[in-house]
PDB file of N, CA and C in Angstrom:
ATOM      1  N   MET A   1      13.708  -4.662  41.319  1.00  0.00           N
ATOM      2  CA  MET A   1      14.079  -5.704  40.370  1.00  0.00           C
ATOM      3  C   MET A   1      12.852  -6.539  40.040  1.00  0.00           C
ATOM      4  N   ASN A   2      12.654  -6.739  38.757  1.00  0.00           N
ATOM      5  CA  ASN A   2      11.537  -7.561  38.302  1.00  0.00           C
ATOM      6  C   ASN A   2      11.963  -8.990  37.994  1.00  0.00           C
ATOM      7  N   PHE A   3      13.274  -9.210  37.922  1.00  0.00           N
ATOM      8  CA  PHE A   3      13.781 -10.529  37.541  1.00  0.00           C
ATOM      9  C   PHE A   3      14.809 -11.015  38.560  1.00  0.00           C
ATOM     10  N   CYS A   4      14.870 -12.320  38.730  1.00  0.00           N
ATOM     11  CA  CYS A   4      15.836 -12.944  39.621  1.00  0.00           C
ATOM     12  C   CYS A   4      17.243 -12.750  39.050  1.00  0.00           C
ATOM     13  N   SER A   5      18.174 -12.340  39.891  1.00  0.00           N
ATOM     14  CA  SER A   5      19.538 -12.092  39.410  1.00  0.00           C
ATOM     15  C   SER A   5      20.284 -13.388  39.104  1.00  0.00           C
ATOM     16  N   LYS A   6      19.792 -14.524  39.612  1.00  0.00           N
ATOM     17  CA  LYS A   6      20.459 -15.798  39.365  1.00  0.00           C
ATOM     18  C   LYS A   6      19.920 -16.518  38.124  1.00  0.00           C
ATOM     19  N   CYS A   7      18.594 -16.569  38.020  1.00  0.00           N
ATOM     20  CA  CYS A   7      18.017 -17.371  36.922  1.00  0.00           C
ATOM     21  C   CYS A   7      17.319 -16.538  35.857  1.00  0.00           C
ATOM     22  N   ALA A   8      17.134 -15.244  36.089  1.00  0.00           N
ATOM     23  CA  ALA A   8      16.515 -14.300  35.164  1.00  0.00           C
ATOM     24  C   ALA A   8      15.023 -14.531  34.957  1.00  0.00           C
ATOM     25  N   LEU A   9      14.400 -15.314  35.808  1.00  0.00           N
ATOM     26  CA  LEU A   9      12.954 -15.496  35.737  1.00  0.00           C
ATOM     27  C   LEU A   9      12.260 -14.317  36.406  1.00  0.00           C
ATOM     28  N   PRO A  10      11.055 -13.993  35.942  1.00  0.00           N
ATOM     29  CA  PRO A  10      10.319 -12.898  36.581  1.00  0.00           C
ATOM     30  C   PRO A  10      10.018 -13.234  38.043  1.00  0.00           C
ATOM     31  N   ILE A  11      10.178 -12.263  38.912  1.00  0.00           N
ATOM     32  CA  ILE A  11       9.917 -12.475  40.330  1.00  0.00           C
ATOM     33  C   ILE A  11       8.418 -12.538  40.587  1.00  0.00           C
ATOM     34  N   ASN A  12       7.676 -11.639  39.966  1.00  0.00           N
ATOM     35  CA  ASN A  12       6.229 -11.608  40.138  1.00  0.00           C
ATOM     36  C   ASN A  12       5.585 -12.022  38.821  1.00  0.00           C
ATOM     37  N   LEU A  13       5.208 -13.281  38.714  1.00  0.00           N
ATOM     38  CA  LEU A  13       4.641 -13.795  37.469  1.00  0.00           C
ATOM     39  C   LEU A  13       3.310 -13.152  37.132  1.00  0.00           C
ATOM     40  N   ASN A  14       2.559 -12.763  38.138  1.00  0.00           N
ATOM     41  CA  ASN A  14       1.264 -12.136  37.892  1.00  0.00           C
ATOM     42  C   ASN A  14       1.436 -10.817  37.139  1.00  0.00           C
ATOM     43  N   ASN A  15       2.402  -9.997  37.570  1.00  0.00           N
ATOM     44  CA  ASN A  15       2.667  -8.736  36.873  1.00  0.00           C
ATOM     45  C   ASN A  15       3.133  -8.979  35.438  1.00  0.00           C
ATOM     46  N   GLU A  16       3.989  -9.968  35.259  1.00  0.00           N
ATOM     47  CA  GLU A  16       4.485 -10.276  33.921  1.00  0.00           C
ATOM     48  C   GLU A  16       3.357 -10.766  33.023  1.00  0.00           C
ATOM     49  N   TYR A  17       2.490 -11.607  33.581  1.00  0.00           N
ATOM     50  CA  TYR A  17       1.351 -12.113  32.803  1.00  0.00           C
ATOM     51  C   TYR A  17       0.433 -10.962  32.411  1.00  0.00           C
ATOM     52  N   THR A  18       0.164 -10.059  33.354  1.00  0.00           N
ATOM     53  CA  THR A  18      -0.691  -8.904  33.075  1.00  0.00           C
ATOM     54  C   THR A  18      -0.073  -8.035  31.989  1.00  0.00           C
ATOM     55  N   ARG A  19       1.212  -7.779  32.091  1.00  0.00           N
ATOM     56  CA  ARG A  19       1.897  -6.950  31.082  1.00  0.00           C
ATOM     57  C   ARG A  19       1.873  -7.635  29.720  1.00  0.00           C
ATOM     58  N   GLU A  20       2.063  -8.945  29.709  1.00  0.00           N
ATOM     59  CA  GLU A  20       2.020  -9.695  28.454  1.00  0.00           C
ATOM     60  C   GLU A  20       0.640  -9.585  27.814  1.00  0.00           C
ATOM     61  N   MET A  21      -0.398  -9.681  28.611  1.00  0.00           N
ATOM     62  CA  MET A  21      -1.763  -9.555  28.100  1.00  0.00           C
ATOM     63  C   MET A  21      -2.016  -8.150  27.565  1.00  0.00           C
ATOM     64  N   GLU A  22      -1.500  -7.136  28.248  1.00  0.00           N
ATOM     65  CA  GLU A  22      -1.634  -5.757  27.777  1.00  0.00           C
ATOM     66  C   GLU A  22      -0.956  -5.584  26.421  1.00  0.00           C
ATOM     67  N   LEU A  23       0.231  -6.135  26.282  1.00  0.00           N
ATOM     68  CA  LEU A  23       0.953  -6.034  25.016  1.00  0.00           C
ATOM     69  C   LEU A  23       0.215  -6.763  23.897  1.00  0.00           C
ATOM     70  N   GLU A  24      -0.334  -7.927  24.192  1.00  0.00           N
ATOM     71  CA  GLU A  24      -1.100  -8.663  23.184  1.00  0.00           C
ATOM     72  C   GLU A  24      -2.332  -7.881  22.747  1.00  0.00           C
ATOM     73  N   ASN A  25      -3.022  -7.256  23.702  1.00  0.00           N
ATOM     74  CA  ASN A  25      -4.193  -6.443  23.367  1.00  0.00           C
ATOM     75  C   ASN A  25      -3.798  -5.237  22.525  1.00  0.00           C
ATOM     76  N   GLU A  26      -2.695  -4.608  22.890  1.00  0.00           N
ATOM     77  CA  GLU A  26      -2.212  -3.456  22.126  1.00  0.00           C
ATOM     78  C   GLU A  26      -1.852  -3.870  20.699  1.00  0.00           C
ATOM     79  N   ASN A  27      -1.165  -5.009  20.568  1.00  0.00           N
ATOM     80  CA  ASN A  27      -0.803  -5.506  19.236  1.00  0.00           C
ATOM     81  C   ASN A  27      -2.041  -5.827  18.410  1.00  0.00           C
ATOM     82  N   ARG A  28      -3.042  -6.445  19.043  1.00  0.00           N
ATOM     83  CA  ARG A  28      -4.284  -6.779  18.339  1.00  0.00           C
ATOM     84  C   ARG A  28      -4.971  -5.510  17.856  1.00  0.00           C
ATOM     85  N   GLU A  29      -5.037  -4.491  18.719  1.00  0.00           N
ATOM     86  CA  GLU A  29      -5.659  -3.219  18.346  1.00  0.00           C
ATOM     87  C   GLU A  29      -4.905  -2.562  17.192  1.00  0.00           C
ATOM     88  N   LEU A  30      -3.578  -2.611  17.236  1.00  0.00           N
ATOM     89  CA  LEU A  30      -2.782  -2.023  16.156  1.00  0.00           C
ATOM     90  C   LEU A  30      -2.992  -2.776  14.834  1.00  0.00           C
ATOM     91  N   ARG A  31      -3.065  -4.110  14.904  1.00  0.00           N
ATOM     92  CA  ARG A  31      -3.327  -4.897  13.690  1.00  0.00           C
ATOM     93  C   ARG A  31      -4.694  -4.568  13.110  1.00  0.00           C
ATOM     94  N   GLU A  32      -5.695  -4.422  13.984  1.00  0.00           N
ATOM     95  CA  GLU A  32      -7.034  -4.082  13.523  1.00  0.00           C
ATOM     96  C   GLU A  32      -7.062  -2.697  12.878  1.00  0.00           C
ATOM     97  N   LYS A  33      -6.343  -1.763  13.485  1.00  0.00           N
ATOM     98  CA  LYS A  33      -6.270  -0.407  12.922  1.00  0.00           C
ATOM     99  C   LYS A  33      -5.583  -0.436  11.558  1.00  0.00           C
ATOM    100  N   LEU A  34      -4.480  -1.186  11.469  1.00  0.00           N
ATOM    101  CA  LEU A  34      -3.774  -1.317  10.200  1.00  0.00           C
ATOM    102  C   LEU A  34      -4.683  -1.936   9.141  1.00  0.00           C
ATOM    103  N   ASP A  35      -5.438  -2.957   9.517  1.00  0.00           N
ATOM    104  CA  ASP A  35      -6.364  -3.592   8.575  1.00  0.00           C
ATOM    105  C   ASP A  35      -7.407  -2.598   8.079  1.00  0.00           C
ATOM    106  N   ARG A  36      -7.942  -1.767   8.988  1.00  0.00           N
ATOM    107  CA  ARG A  36      -8.933  -0.761   8.577  1.00  0.00           C
ATOM    108  C   ARG A  36      -8.322   0.254   7.620  1.00  0.00           C
ATOM    109  N   VAL A  37      -7.114   0.709   7.932  1.00  0.00           N
ATOM    110  CA  VAL A  37      -6.450   1.702   7.081  1.00  0.00           C
ATOM    111  C   VAL A  37      -6.150   1.100   5.707  1.00  0.00           C
ATOM    112  N   MET A  38      -5.651  -0.127   5.693  1.00  0.00           N
ATOM    113  CA  MET A  38      -5.335  -0.781   4.420  1.00  0.00           C
ATOM    114  C   MET A  38      -6.604  -0.998   3.586  1.00  0.00           C
ATOM    115  N   LYS A  39      -7.684  -1.393   4.230  1.00  0.00           N
ATOM    116  CA  LYS A  39      -8.952  -1.583   3.520  1.00  0.00           C
ATOM    117  C   LYS A  39      -9.420  -0.268   2.908  1.00  0.00           C
ATOM    118  N   SER A  40      -9.319   0.806   3.677  1.00  0.00           N
ATOM    119  CA  SER A  40      -9.708   2.122   3.190  1.00  0.00           C
ATOM    120  C   SER A  40      -8.844   2.543   2.002  1.00  0.00           C
ATOM    121  N   MET A  41      -7.538   2.309   2.091  1.00  0.00           N
ATOM    122  CA  MET A  41      -6.637   2.665   0.991  1.00  0.00           C
ATOM    123  C   MET A  41      -6.958   1.854  -0.261  1.00  0.00           C
ATOM    124  N   ARG A  42      -7.232   0.553  -0.089  1.00  0.00           N
ATOM    125  CA  ARG A  42      -7.581  -0.284  -1.241  1.00  0.00           C
ATOM    126  C   ARG A  42      -8.847   0.208  -1.916  1.00  0.00           C
ATOM    127  N   GLU A  43      -9.846   0.559  -1.099  1.00  0.00           N
ATOM    128  CA  GLU A  43     -11.102   1.057  -1.658  1.00  0.00           C
ATOM    129  C   GLU A  43     -10.882   2.349  -2.437  1.00  0.00           C
ATOM    130  N   GLU A  44     -10.084   3.248  -1.865  1.00  0.00           N
ATOM    131  CA  GLU A  44      -9.788   4.513  -2.538  1.00  0.00           C
ATOM    132  C   GLU A  44      -9.048   4.277  -3.852  1.00  0.00           C
ATOM    133  N   MET A  45      -8.055   3.395  -3.841  1.00  0.00           N
ATOM    134  CA  MET A  45      -7.295   3.105  -5.057  1.00  0.00           C
ATOM    135  C   MET A  45      -8.178   2.431  -6.103  1.00  0.00           C
ATOM    136  N   ASN A  46      -9.066   1.545  -5.685  1.00  0.00           N
ATOM    137  CA  ASN A  46      -9.986   0.909  -6.625  1.00  0.00           C
ATOM    138  C   ASN A  46     -10.917   1.933  -7.262  1.00  0.00           C
ATOM    139  N   GLN A  47     -11.391   2.894  -6.477  1.00  0.00           N
ATOM    140  CA  GLN A  47     -12.242   3.945  -7.032  1.00  0.00           C
ATOM    141  C   GLN A  47     -11.484   4.755  -8.075  1.00  0.00           C
ATOM    142  N   LYS A  48     -10.240   5.131  -7.761  1.00  0.00           N
ATOM    143  CA  LYS A  48      -9.435   5.903  -8.705  1.00  0.00           C
ATOM    144  C   LYS A  48      -9.152   5.084  -9.971  1.00  0.00           C
ATOM    145  N   PHE A  49      -8.816   3.818  -9.788  1.00  0.00           N
ATOM    146  CA  PHE A  49      -8.540   2.953 -10.929  1.00  0.00           C
ATOM    147  C   PHE A  49      -9.783   2.807 -11.807  1.00  0.00           C
ATOM    148  N   ASN A  50     -10.945   2.641 -11.190  1.00  0.00           N
ATOM    149  CA  ASN A  50     -12.188   2.515 -11.951  1.00  0.00           C
ATOM    150  C   ASN A  50     -12.515   3.793 -12.708  1.00  0.00           C
ATOM    151  N   ARG A  51     -12.224   4.964 -12.102  1.00  0.00           N
ATOM    152  CA  ARG A  51     -12.438   6.230 -12.826  1.00  0.00           C
ATOM    153  C   ARG A  51     -11.522   6.312 -14.044  1.00  0.00           C
ATOM    154  N   ILE A  52     -10.270   5.909 -13.877  1.00  0.00           N
ATOM    155  CA  ILE A  52      -9.319   5.939 -14.996  1.00  0.00           C
ATOM    156  C   ILE A  52      -9.778   4.985 -16.101  1.00  0.00           C
ATOM    157  N   ARG A  53     -10.181   3.778 -15.721  1.00  0.00           N
ATOM    158  CA  ARG A  53     -10.666   2.812 -16.719  1.00  0.00           C
ATOM    159  C   ARG A  53     -11.880   3.346 -17.457  1.00  0.00           C
ATOM    160  N   SER A  54     -12.769   4.011 -16.740  1.00  0.00           N
ATOM    161  CA  SER A  54     -13.956   4.595 -17.364  1.00  0.00           C
ATOM    162  C   SER A  54     -13.562   5.677 -18.368  1.00  0.00           C
ATOM    163  N   MET A  55     -12.599   6.511 -17.989  1.00  0.00           N
ATOM    164  CA  MET A  55     -12.133   7.567 -18.892  1.00  0.00           C
ATOM    165  C   MET A  55     -11.486   6.956 -20.135  1.00  0.00           C
ATOM    166  N   ILE A  56     -10.729   5.895 -19.972  1.00  0.00           N
ATOM    167  CA  ILE A  56     -10.073   5.243 -21.109  1.00  0.00           C
ATOM    168  C   ILE A  56     -11.118   4.590 -22.015  1.00  0.00           C
ATOM    169  N   ARG A  57     -12.170   4.008 -21.430  1.00  0.00           N
ATOM    170  CA  ARG A  57     -13.236   3.424 -22.264  1.00  0.00           C
ATOM    171  C   ARG A  57     -13.911   4.496 -23.115  1.00  0.00           C
ATOM    172  N   GLN A  58     -14.087   5.688 -22.533  1.00  0.00           N
ATOM    173  CA  GLN A  58     -14.721   6.784 -23.262  1.00  0.00           C
ATOM    174  C   GLN A  58     -13.803   7.331 -24.345  1.00  0.00           C
ATOM    175  N   ASN A  59     -12.509   7.313 -24.102  1.00  0.00           N
ATOM    176  CA  ASN A  59     -11.542   7.830 -25.066  1.00  0.00           C
ATOM    177  C   ASN A  59     -10.313   6.908 -25.054  1.00  0.00           C
ATOM    178  N   PRO A  60     -10.307   5.881 -25.895  1.00  0.00           N
ATOM    179  CA  PRO A  60      -9.225   4.883 -25.884  1.00  0.00           C
ATOM    180  C   PRO A  60      -7.832   5.466 -26.092  1.00  0.00           C
ATOM    181  N   TYR A  61      -7.700   6.634 -26.711  1.00  0.00           N
ATOM    182  CA  TYR A  61      -6.384   7.226 -26.936  1.00  0.00           C
ATOM    183  C   TYR A  61      -5.696   7.633 -25.626  1.00  0.00           C
ATOM    184  N   LEU A  62      -6.474   7.780 -24.559  1.00  0.00           N
ATOM    185  CA  LEU A  62      -5.874   8.116 -23.259  1.00  0.00           C
ATOM    186  C   LEU A  62      -4.956   7.008 -22.758  1.00  0.00           C
ATOM    187  N   ALA A  63      -5.161   5.804 -23.215  1.00  0.00           N
ATOM    188  CA  ALA A  63      -4.332   4.685 -22.775  1.00  0.00           C
ATOM    189  C   ALA A  63      -2.882   4.839 -23.224  1.00  0.00           C
ATOM    190  N   TYR A  64      -2.640   5.645 -24.238  1.00  0.00           N
ATOM    191  CA  TYR A  64      -1.290   5.804 -24.785  1.00  0.00           C
ATOM    192  C   TYR A  64      -0.553   7.018 -24.232  1.00  0.00           C
ATOM    193  N   ILE A  65      -1.207   7.800 -23.385  1.00  0.00           N
ATOM    194  CA  ILE A  65      -0.568   8.985 -22.820  1.00  0.00           C
ATOM    195  C   ILE A  65       0.326   8.573 -21.656  1.00  0.00           C
ATOM    196  N   LYS A  66       1.530   9.108 -21.634  1.00  0.00           N
ATOM    197  CA  LYS A  66       2.457   8.820 -20.544  1.00  0.00           C
ATOM    198  C   LYS A  66       2.011   9.582 -19.291  1.00  0.00           C
ATOM    199  N   PRO A  67       2.129   8.968 -18.122  1.00  0.00           N
ATOM    200  CA  PRO A  67       1.680   9.617 -16.884  1.00  0.00           C
ATOM    201  C   PRO A  67       2.333  10.971 -16.631  1.00  0.00           C
ATOM    202  N   GLU A  68       3.614  11.108 -16.965  1.00  0.00           N
ATOM    203  CA  GLU A  68       4.282  12.388 -16.711  1.00  0.00           C
ATOM    204  C   GLU A  68       3.716  13.519 -17.563  1.00  0.00           C
ATOM    205  N   ALA A  69       3.114  13.195 -18.695  1.00  0.00           N
ATOM    206  CA  ALA A  69       2.488  14.221 -19.524  1.00  0.00           C
ATOM    207  C   ALA A  69       1.225  14.750 -18.837  1.00  0.00           C
ATOM    208  N   LEU A  70       0.566  13.918 -18.073  1.00  0.00           N
ATOM    209  CA  LEU A  70      -0.642  14.338 -17.378  1.00  0.00           C
ATOM    210  C   LEU A  70      -0.331  15.138 -16.120  1.00  0.00           C
ATOM    211  N   THR A  71       0.759  14.846 -15.463  1.00  0.00           N
ATOM    212  CA  THR A  71       1.086  15.527 -14.211  1.00  0.00           C
ATOM    213  C   THR A  71       1.982  16.735 -14.425  1.00  0.00           C
ATOM    214  N   GLY A  72       2.641  16.794 -15.561  1.00  0.00           N
ATOM    215  CA  GLY A  72       3.571  17.884 -15.806  1.00  0.00           C
ATOM    216  C   GLY A  72       4.898  17.682 -15.108  1.00  0.00           C
ATOM    217  N   LYS A  73       5.099  16.529 -14.503  1.00  0.00           N
ATOM    218  CA  LYS A  73       6.343  16.232 -13.808  1.00  0.00           C
ATOM    219  C   LYS A  73       7.177  15.278 -14.645  1.00  0.00           C
ATOM    220  N   LYS A  74       8.488  15.432 -14.533  1.00  0.00           N
ATOM    221  CA  LYS A  74       9.385  14.498 -15.195  1.00  0.00           C
ATOM    222  C   LYS A  74       9.613  13.310 -14.300  1.00  0.00           C
ATOM    223  N   VAL A  75       9.511  12.129 -14.870  1.00  0.00           N
ATOM    224  CA  VAL A  75       9.764  10.917 -14.136  1.00  0.00           C
ATOM    225  C   VAL A  75      11.096  10.346 -14.603  1.00  0.00           C
ATOM    226  N   GLU A  76      12.009  10.163 -13.667  1.00  0.00           N
ATOM    227  CA  GLU A  76      13.324   9.633 -14.021  1.00  0.00           C
ATOM    228  C   GLU A  76      13.294   8.129 -13.975  1.00  0.00           C
ATOM    229  N   VAL A  77      13.763   7.504 -15.033  1.00  0.00           N
ATOM    230  CA  VAL A  77      13.814   6.062 -15.105  1.00  0.00           C
ATOM    231  C   VAL A  77      15.271   5.634 -14.994  1.00  0.00           C
ATOM    232  N   GLU A  78      15.514   4.702 -14.089  1.00  0.00           N
ATOM    233  CA  GLU A  78      16.899   4.240 -13.905  1.00  0.00           C
ATOM    234  C   GLU A  78      17.114   2.921 -14.568  1.00  0.00           C
TER     235      GLU A  78
END
């Protein structure tokens, strides 16, 4: 048993403190990883967006083409 059956407090506070610190470190690492992934995705999307803008500047008529015409897929609108 890790907790008192009467008051529900942890019996060994040192173990609980250590586990809490481990969880905080794990959460921090996960947040940092998420931040790196999100930054990478933003950079990739910005590059793609800039390529599209460049193509539209070279040929302004591309701005009027529907996306489904370029992909060959039908897009359902609800």
